[in-house]
């Protein structure tokens, strides 16, 4: 069962995902699937509702490739 949390001041999606799951690896993408309206918002407004998947619904990621921004 998913749950709804609310953005604190100056939160971004990565911060919220890390706060509740302790990792962002593959999870930000899954949260964006539940919240497509948040894709264009780098900083969320205070009180923005964010739906998080339950731990049972999280799909494990197997992609651990690294992207170097300077390449």
PDB file of N, CA and C in Angstrom:
ATOM      1  N   UNK A   1       0.850  -1.177   0.000  1.00  0.00           N
ATOM      2  CA  UNK A   1       0.000   0.000   0.000  1.00  0.00           C
ATOM      3  C   UNK A   1       0.897   1.243   0.000  1.00  0.00           C
ATOM      4  N   UNK A   2       0.622   2.142  -0.880  1.00  0.00           N
ATOM      5  CA  UNK A   2       1.411   3.369  -0.972  1.00  0.00           C
ATOM      6  C   UNK A   2       0.989   4.325   0.146  1.00  0.00           C
ATOM      7  N   UNK A   3       1.847   5.322   0.379  1.00  0.00           N
ATOM      8  CA  UNK A   3       1.501   6.344   1.361  1.00  0.00           C
ATOM      9  C   UNK A   3       1.879   7.706   0.811  1.00  0.00           C
ATOM     10  N   UNK A   4       1.227   8.715   1.326  1.00  0.00           N
ATOM     11  CA  UNK A   4       1.474  10.084   0.884  1.00  0.00           C
ATOM     12  C   UNK A   4       2.241  10.827   1.968  1.00  0.00           C
ATOM     13  N   UNK A   5       3.320  11.484   1.542  1.00  0.00           N
ATOM     14  CA  UNK A   5       4.093  12.345   2.432  1.00  0.00           C
ATOM     15  C   UNK A   5       4.078  13.740   1.819  1.00  0.00           C
ATOM     16  N   UNK A   6       4.492  14.717   2.601  1.00  0.00           N
ATOM     17  CA  UNK A   6       4.426  16.105   2.136  1.00  0.00           C
ATOM     18  C   UNK A   6       5.805  16.745   2.205  1.00  0.00           C
ATOM     19  N   UNK A   7       6.144  17.469   1.146  1.00  0.00           N
ATOM     20  CA  UNK A   7       7.456  18.104   1.038  1.00  0.00           C
ATOM     21  C   UNK A   7       7.652  19.144   2.129  1.00  0.00           C
ATOM     22  N   UNK A   8       8.861  19.159   2.655  1.00  0.00           N
ATOM     23  CA  UNK A   8       9.266  20.189   3.593  1.00  0.00           C
ATOM     24  C   UNK A   8       9.918  21.312   2.787  1.00  0.00           C
ATOM     25  N   UNK A   9      10.252  22.397   3.446  1.00  0.00           N
ATOM     26  CA  UNK A   9      10.832  23.534   2.741  1.00  0.00           C
ATOM     27  C   UNK A   9      12.125  23.137   2.045  1.00  0.00           C
ATOM     28  N   UNK A  10      12.264  23.523   0.774  1.00  0.00           N
ATOM     29  CA  UNK A  10      13.433  23.280  -0.084  1.00  0.00           C
ATOM     30  C   UNK A  10      13.701  21.813  -0.378  1.00  0.00           C
ATOM     31  N   UNK A  11      12.726  20.938  -0.222  1.00  0.00           N
ATOM     32  CA  UNK A  11      12.888  19.524  -0.567  1.00  0.00           C
ATOM     33  C   UNK A  11      12.917  19.355  -2.076  1.00  0.00           C
ATOM     34  N   UNK A  12      13.643  18.342  -2.497  1.00  0.00           N
ATOM     35  CA  UNK A  12      13.511  17.849  -3.860  1.00  0.00           C
ATOM     36  C   UNK A  12      13.164  16.374  -3.757  1.00  0.00           C
ATOM     37  N   UNK A  13      12.842  15.749  -4.865  1.00  0.00           N
ATOM     38  CA  UNK A  13      12.369  14.369  -4.827  1.00  0.00           C
ATOM     39  C   UNK A  13      13.445  13.430  -4.291  1.00  0.00           C
ATOM     40  N   UNK A  14      14.691  13.647  -4.676  1.00  0.00           N
ATOM     41  CA  UNK A  14      15.780  12.795  -4.196  1.00  0.00           C
ATOM     42  C   UNK A  14      15.875  12.811  -2.666  1.00  0.00           C
ATOM     43  N   UNK A  15      15.729  13.999  -2.097  1.00  0.00           N
ATOM     44  CA  UNK A  15      15.820  14.154  -0.643  1.00  0.00           C
ATOM     45  C   UNK A  15      14.710  13.379   0.057  1.00  0.00           C
ATOM     46  N   UNK A  16      13.512  13.483  -0.462  1.00  0.00           N
ATOM     47  CA  UNK A  16      12.380  12.778   0.137  1.00  0.00           C
ATOM     48  C   UNK A  16      12.566  11.279   0.042  1.00  0.00           C
ATOM     49  N   UNK A  17      12.971  10.796  -1.117  1.00  0.00           N
ATOM     50  CA  UNK A  17      13.181   9.359  -1.300  1.00  0.00           C
ATOM     51  C   UNK A  17      14.255   8.853  -0.337  1.00  0.00           C
ATOM     52  N   UNK A  18      15.355   9.579  -0.221  1.00  0.00           N
ATOM     53  CA  UNK A  18      16.421   9.165   0.694  1.00  0.00           C
ATOM     54  C   UNK A  18      15.939   9.195   2.148  1.00  0.00           C
ATOM     55  N   UNK A  19      15.167  10.192   2.508  1.00  0.00           N
ATOM     56  CA  UNK A  19      14.665  10.324   3.881  1.00  0.00           C
ATOM     57  C   UNK A  19      13.828   9.104   4.284  1.00  0.00           C
ATOM     58  N   UNK A  20      13.004   8.602   3.374  1.00  0.00           N
ATOM     59  CA  UNK A  20      12.091   7.516   3.720  1.00  0.00           C
ATOM     60  C   UNK A  20      12.632   6.122   3.415  1.00  0.00           C
ATOM     61  N   UNK A  21      13.564   6.007   2.450  1.00  0.00           N
ATOM     62  CA  UNK A  21      14.049   4.687   2.077  1.00  0.00           C
ATOM     63  C   UNK A  21      15.526   4.465   2.382  1.00  0.00           C
ATOM     64  N   UNK A  22      16.274   5.538   2.663  1.00  0.00           N
ATOM     65  CA  UNK A  22      17.691   5.405   2.981  1.00  0.00           C
ATOM     66  C   UNK A  22      18.571   5.180   1.766  1.00  0.00           C
ATOM     67  N   UNK A  23      18.007   5.312   0.582  1.00  0.00           N
ATOM     68  CA  UNK A  23      18.740   5.135  -0.674  1.00  0.00           C
ATOM     69  C   UNK A  23      17.936   5.799  -1.778  1.00  0.00           C
ATOM     70  N   UNK A  24      18.623   6.100  -2.874  1.00  0.00           N
ATOM     71  CA  UNK A  24      17.912   6.632  -4.044  1.00  0.00           C
ATOM     72  C   UNK A  24      18.088   5.722  -5.258  1.00  0.00           C
ATOM     73  N   UNK A  25      18.921   4.713  -5.149  1.00  0.00           N
ATOM     74  CA  UNK A  25      19.257   3.842  -6.274  1.00  0.00           C
ATOM     75  C   UNK A  25      18.018   3.175  -6.866  1.00  0.00           C
ATOM     76  N   UNK A  26      17.576   3.665  -7.999  1.00  0.00           N
ATOM     77  CA  UNK A  26      16.428   3.105  -8.696  1.00  0.00           C
ATOM     78  C   UNK A  26      15.081   3.492  -8.102  1.00  0.00           C
ATOM     79  N   UNK A  27      15.092   4.157  -6.960  1.00  0.00           N
ATOM     80  CA  UNK A  27      13.839   4.477  -6.287  1.00  0.00           C
ATOM     81  C   UNK A  27      13.216   5.781  -6.774  1.00  0.00           C
ATOM     82  N   UNK A  28      14.041   6.750  -7.116  1.00  0.00           N
ATOM     83  CA  UNK A  28      13.503   8.034  -7.592  1.00  0.00           C
ATOM     84  C   UNK A  28      12.663   7.799  -8.844  1.00  0.00           C
ATOM     85  N   UNK A  29      13.134   6.945  -9.731  1.00  0.00           N
ATOM     86  CA  UNK A  29      12.396   6.646 -10.956  1.00  0.00           C
ATOM     87  C   UNK A  29      11.038   6.016 -10.635  1.00  0.00           C
ATOM     88  N   UNK A  30      11.022   5.121  -9.652  1.00  0.00           N
ATOM     89  CA  UNK A  30       9.768   4.473  -9.278  1.00  0.00           C
ATOM     90  C   UNK A  30       8.795   5.463  -8.640  1.00  0.00           C
ATOM     91  N   UNK A  31       9.314   6.380  -7.854  1.00  0.00           N
ATOM     92  CA  UNK A  31       8.457   7.408  -7.249  1.00  0.00           C
ATOM     93  C   UNK A  31       7.928   8.347  -8.332  1.00  0.00           C
ATOM     94  N   UNK A  32       8.756   8.656  -9.335  1.00  0.00           N
ATOM     95  CA  UNK A  32       8.292   9.509 -10.438  1.00  0.00           C
ATOM     96  C   UNK A  32       7.174   8.836 -11.235  1.00  0.00           C
ATOM     97  N   UNK A  33       7.195   7.521 -11.337  1.00  0.00           N
ATOM     98  CA  UNK A  33       6.107   6.822 -12.027  1.00  0.00           C
ATOM     99  C   UNK A  33       4.779   7.037 -11.309  1.00  0.00           C
ATOM    100  N   UNK A  34       4.825   7.150  -9.982  1.00  0.00           N
ATOM    101  CA  UNK A  34       3.616   7.398  -9.202  1.00  0.00           C
ATOM    102  C   UNK A  34       3.240   8.881  -9.173  1.00  0.00           C
ATOM    103  N   UNK A  35       4.226   9.748  -9.473  1.00  0.00           N
ATOM    104  CA  UNK A  35       4.035  11.199  -9.376  1.00  0.00           C
ATOM    105  C   UNK A  35       4.574  11.903 -10.620  1.00  0.00           C
ATOM    106  N   UNK A  36       4.047  11.623 -11.799  1.00  0.00           N
ATOM    107  CA  UNK A  36       4.614  12.218 -13.017  1.00  0.00           C
ATOM    108  C   UNK A  36       4.565  13.745 -13.036  1.00  0.00           C
ATOM    109  N   UNK A  37       3.661  14.335 -12.295  1.00  0.00           N
ATOM    110  CA  UNK A  37       3.547  15.803 -12.258  1.00  0.00           C
ATOM    111  C   UNK A  37       4.750  16.460 -11.599  1.00  0.00           C
ATOM    112  N   UNK A  38       5.570  15.698 -10.883  1.00  0.00           N
ATOM    113  CA  UNK A  38       6.723  16.251 -10.179  1.00  0.00           C
ATOM    114  C   UNK A  38       7.995  16.255 -11.024  1.00  0.00           C
ATOM    115  N   UNK A  39       7.944  15.691 -12.215  1.00  0.00           N
ATOM    116  CA  UNK A  39       9.138  15.548 -13.051  1.00  0.00           C
ATOM    117  C   UNK A  39       9.791  16.880 -13.395  1.00  0.00           C
ATOM    118  N   UNK A  40       9.047  17.928 -13.543  1.00  0.00           N
ATOM    119  CA  UNK A  40       9.605  19.216 -13.941  1.00  0.00           C
ATOM    120  C   UNK A  40       9.837  20.167 -12.783  1.00  0.00           C
ATOM    121  N   UNK A  41       9.816  19.654 -11.573  1.00  0.00           N
ATOM    122  CA  UNK A  41       9.961  20.522 -10.403  1.00  0.00           C
ATOM    123  C   UNK A  41      11.225  20.155  -9.625  1.00  0.00           C
ATOM    124  N   UNK A  42      12.323  20.852  -9.870  1.00  0.00           N
ATOM    125  CA  UNK A  42      13.564  20.520  -9.149  1.00  0.00           C
ATOM    126  C   UNK A  42      13.451  20.753  -7.646  1.00  0.00           C
ATOM    127  N   UNK A  43      12.793  21.818  -7.227  1.00  0.00           N
ATOM    128  CA  UNK A  43      12.539  22.097  -5.815  1.00  0.00           C
ATOM    129  C   UNK A  43      11.027  22.077  -5.625  1.00  0.00           C
ATOM    130  N   UNK A  44      10.555  21.261  -4.686  1.00  0.00           N
ATOM    131  CA  UNK A  44       9.120  21.138  -4.465  1.00  0.00           C
ATOM    132  C   UNK A  44       8.622  22.237  -3.532  1.00  0.00           C
ATOM    133  N   UNK A  45       7.425  22.692  -3.789  1.00  0.00           N
ATOM    134  CA  UNK A  45       6.814  23.679  -2.903  1.00  0.00           C
ATOM    135  C   UNK A  45       6.495  23.030  -1.567  1.00  0.00           C
ATOM    136  N   UNK A  46       6.585  23.810  -0.511  1.00  0.00           N
ATOM    137  CA  UNK A  46       6.247  23.346   0.821  1.00  0.00           C
ATOM    138  C   UNK A  46       4.838  22.757   0.824  1.00  0.00           C
ATOM    139  N   UNK A  47       4.712  21.532   1.317  1.00  0.00           N
ATOM    140  CA  UNK A  47       3.403  20.886   1.398  1.00  0.00           C
ATOM    141  C   UNK A  47       2.991  20.105   0.171  1.00  0.00           C
ATOM    142  N   UNK A  48       3.857  20.029  -0.855  1.00  0.00           N
ATOM    143  CA  UNK A  48       3.532  19.251  -2.049  1.00  0.00           C
ATOM    144  C   UNK A  48       3.369  17.782  -1.673  1.00  0.00           C
ATOM    145  N   UNK A  49       2.258  17.174  -2.071  1.00  0.00           N
ATOM    146  CA  UNK A  49       1.993  15.766  -1.780  1.00  0.00           C
ATOM    147  C   UNK A  49       2.840  14.884  -2.694  1.00  0.00           C
ATOM    148  N   UNK A  50       3.492  13.889  -2.098  1.00  0.00           N
ATOM    149  CA  UNK A  50       4.306  12.929  -2.843  1.00  0.00           C
ATOM    150  C   UNK A  50       3.855  11.527  -2.439  1.00  0.00           C
ATOM    151  N   UNK A  51       3.449  10.738  -3.422  1.00  0.00           N
ATOM    152  CA  UNK A  51       3.028   9.368  -3.157  1.00  0.00           C
ATOM    153  C   UNK A  51       4.269   8.474  -3.209  1.00  0.00           C
ATOM    154  N   UNK A  52       4.486   7.712  -2.140  1.00  0.00           N
ATOM    155  CA  UNK A  52       5.614   6.785  -2.072  1.00  0.00           C
ATOM    156  C   UNK A  52       5.091   5.357  -2.148  1.00  0.00           C
ATOM    157  N   UNK A  53       5.794   4.484  -2.873  1.00  0.00           N
ATOM    158  CA  UNK A  53       5.364   3.087  -2.915  1.00  0.00           C
ATOM    159  C   UNK A  53       5.650   2.406  -1.579  1.00  0.00           C
ATOM    160  N   UNK A  54       4.919   1.354  -1.296  1.00  0.00           N
ATOM    161  CA  UNK A  54       5.215   0.580  -0.092  1.00  0.00           C
ATOM    162  C   UNK A  54       6.486  -0.236  -0.349  1.00  0.00           C
ATOM    163  N   UNK A  55       7.101  -0.680   0.710  1.00  0.00           N
ATOM    164  CA  UNK A  55       8.320  -1.483   0.558  1.00  0.00           C
ATOM    165  C   UNK A  55       8.054  -2.746  -0.245  1.00  0.00           C
ATOM    166  N   UNK A  56       6.837  -3.286  -0.148  1.00  0.00           N
ATOM    167  CA  UNK A  56       6.485  -4.497  -0.907  1.00  0.00           C
ATOM    168  C   UNK A  56       6.376  -4.232  -2.405  1.00  0.00           C
ATOM    169  N   UNK A  57       6.090  -3.000  -2.790  1.00  0.00           N
ATOM    170  CA  UNK A  57       5.896  -2.651  -4.205  1.00  0.00           C
ATOM    171  C   UNK A  57       7.176  -2.202  -4.907  1.00  0.00           C
ATOM    172  N   UNK A  58       8.261  -2.014  -4.168  1.00  0.00           N
ATOM    173  CA  UNK A  58       9.506  -1.524  -4.763  1.00  0.00           C
ATOM    174  C   UNK A  58      10.139  -2.625  -5.601  1.00  0.00           C
ATOM    175  N   UNK A  59      10.490  -2.258  -6.832  1.00  0.00           N
ATOM    176  CA  UNK A  59      11.164  -3.185  -7.740  1.00  0.00           C
ATOM    177  C   UNK A  59      12.669  -3.067  -7.556  1.00  0.00           C
ATOM    178  N   UNK A  60      13.361  -4.161  -7.293  1.00  0.00           N
ATOM    179  CA  UNK A  60      14.823  -4.060  -7.137  1.00  0.00           C
ATOM    180  C   UNK A  60      15.481  -3.662  -8.451  1.00  0.00           C
ATOM    181  N   UNK A  61      16.534  -2.876  -8.350  1.00  0.00           N
ATOM    182  CA  UNK A  61      17.274  -2.467  -9.544  1.00  0.00           C
ATOM    183  C   UNK A  61      18.545  -3.288  -9.655  1.00  0.00           C
ATOM    184  N   UNK A  62      18.885  -3.639 -10.871  1.00  0.00           N
ATOM    185  CA  UNK A  62      20.113  -4.407 -11.092  1.00  0.00           C
ATOM    186  C   UNK A  62      21.151  -3.580 -11.823  1.00  0.00           C
ATOM    187  N   UNK A  63      20.774  -2.391 -12.282  1.00  0.00           N
ATOM    188  CA  UNK A  63      21.696  -1.523 -13.017  1.00  0.00           C
ATOM    189  C   UNK A  63      22.524  -0.696 -12.046  1.00  0.00           C
ATOM    190  N   UNK A  64      23.808  -0.992 -11.968  1.00  0.00           N
ATOM    191  CA  UNK A  64      24.696  -0.247 -11.087  1.00  0.00           C
ATOM    192  C   UNK A  64      25.783   0.463 -11.893  1.00  0.00           C
ATOM    193  N   UNK A  65      25.453   0.785 -13.134  1.00  0.00           N
ATOM    194  CA  UNK A  65      26.419   1.474 -13.983  1.00  0.00           C
ATOM    195  C   UNK A  65      26.618   2.906 -13.498  1.00  0.00           C
ATOM    196  N   UNK A  66      27.769   3.443 -13.796  1.00  0.00           N
ATOM    197  CA  UNK A  66      28.106   4.795 -13.372  1.00  0.00           C
ATOM    198  C   UNK A  66      28.148   5.708 -14.579  1.00  0.00           C
ATOM    199  N   UNK A  67      27.630   6.900 -14.410  1.00  0.00           N
ATOM    200  CA  UNK A  67      27.652   7.907 -15.459  1.00  0.00           C
ATOM    201  C   UNK A  67      28.588   9.015 -15.028  1.00  0.00           C
ATOM    202  N   UNK A  68      29.591   9.296 -15.817  1.00  0.00           N
ATOM    203  CA  UNK A  68      30.497  10.407 -15.549  1.00  0.00           C
ATOM    204  C   UNK A  68      30.046  11.604 -16.365  1.00  0.00           C
ATOM    205  N   UNK A  69      29.733  12.672 -15.700  1.00  0.00           N
ATOM    206  CA  UNK A  69      29.201  13.841 -16.389  1.00  0.00           C
ATOM    207  C   UNK A  69      30.215  14.525 -17.301  1.00  0.00           C
ATOM    208  N   UNK A  70      31.473  14.307 -17.072  1.00  0.00           N
ATOM    209  CA  UNK A  70      32.497  14.983 -17.859  1.00  0.00           C
ATOM    210  C   UNK A  70      32.952  14.182 -19.066  1.00  0.00           C
ATOM    211  N   UNK A  71      32.410  13.004 -19.299  1.00  0.00           N
ATOM    212  CA  UNK A  71      32.793  12.199 -20.474  1.00  0.00           C
ATOM    213  C   UNK A  71      32.005  12.598 -21.695  1.00  0.00           C
TER     214      UNK A  71
END
